[in-house]
Amino acid sequence: MDAFTTGLIQRIKATEADLDQARETGDDFLAEVEQSELDDLRRLAADHGVQLGASQS
């Protein structure tokens, strides 16, 4: 796995964790921001052919 793919997957995992935390604390604005970031990262992964596991899809 190259550095780009590794970094992208790490960013997705971190963003998923941040999104979960925002939802758990009831911070709707932060959850919306994190969801947008996650959508962008997933789109970037798809554009570059990065296969994501079940937890990242």
Protein backbone atom coordinates (compact mmCIF):
# COMPACT_ATOMS: atom_id res chain seq x y z
CA MET A 1 0.00 0.00 0.00
CA ASP A 2 1.44 3.37 -0.96
CA ALA A 3 1.69 6.44 1.27
CA PHE A 4 -1.28 8.17 -0.37
CA THR A 5 -3.59 5.21 0.24
CA THR A 6 -2.35 4.69 3.79
CA GLY A 7 -2.77 8.37 4.63
CA LEU A 8 -6.22 8.54 3.09
CA ILE A 9 -7.43 5.49 5.00
CA GLN A 10 -6.02 6.92 8.24
CA ARG A 11 -7.82 10.22 7.62
CA ILE A 12 -11.08 8.37 6.95
CA LYS A 13 -10.77 6.36 10.16
CA ALA A 14 -9.97 9.49 12.18
CA THR A 15 -12.90 11.37 10.65
CA GLU A 16 -15.25 8.45 11.36
CA ALA A 17 -14.13 8.51 15.01
CA ASP A 18 -14.63 12.29 15.19
CA LEU A 19 -18.08 11.93 13.63
CA ASP A 20 -19.06 9.26 16.15
CA GLN A 21 -17.87 11.47 19.02
CA ALA A 22 -19.78 14.49 17.70
CA ARG A 23 -22.95 12.41 17.45
CA GLU A 24 -22.47 10.96 20.94
CA THR A 25 -22.07 14.42 22.46
CA GLY A 26 -25.05 15.80 20.52
CA ASP A 27 -22.99 18.38 18.62
CA ASP A 28 -25.11 18.56 15.47
CA PHE A 29 -23.01 21.24 13.79
CA LEU A 30 -19.75 19.35 14.29
CA ALA A 31 -21.41 16.13 13.16
CA GLU A 32 -22.48 17.86 9.95
CA VAL A 33 -18.96 19.17 9.37
CA GLU A 34 -17.41 15.76 10.01
CA GLN A 35 -19.95 14.05 7.74
CA SER A 36 -19.10 16.46 4.93
CA GLU A 37 -15.39 15.78 5.44
CA LEU A 38 -16.04 12.05 5.41
CA ASP A 39 -18.07 12.31 2.21
CA ASP A 40 -15.22 14.24 0.56
CA LEU A 41 -12.62 11.71 1.68
CA ARG A 42 -14.71 8.79 0.42
CA ARG A 43 -15.19 10.57 -2.91
CA LEU A 44 -11.43 11.13 -3.13
CA ALA A 45 -10.84 7.45 -2.39
CA ALA A 46 -13.29 6.41 -5.11
CA ASP A 47 -11.72 8.83 -7.61
CA HIS A 48 -8.33 7.21 -7.01
CA GLY A 49 -9.50 3.61 -6.92
CA VAL A 50 -8.84 3.14 -3.21
CA GLN A 51 -10.85 0.19 -1.93
CA LEU A 52 -12.38 0.83 1.47
CA GLY A 53 -13.37 -1.84 3.95
CA ALA A 54 -16.92 -2.23 5.26
CA SER A 55 -16.33 0.23 8.10
CA GLN A 56 -15.27 2.97 5.68
CA SER A 57 -17.96 2.56 3.04
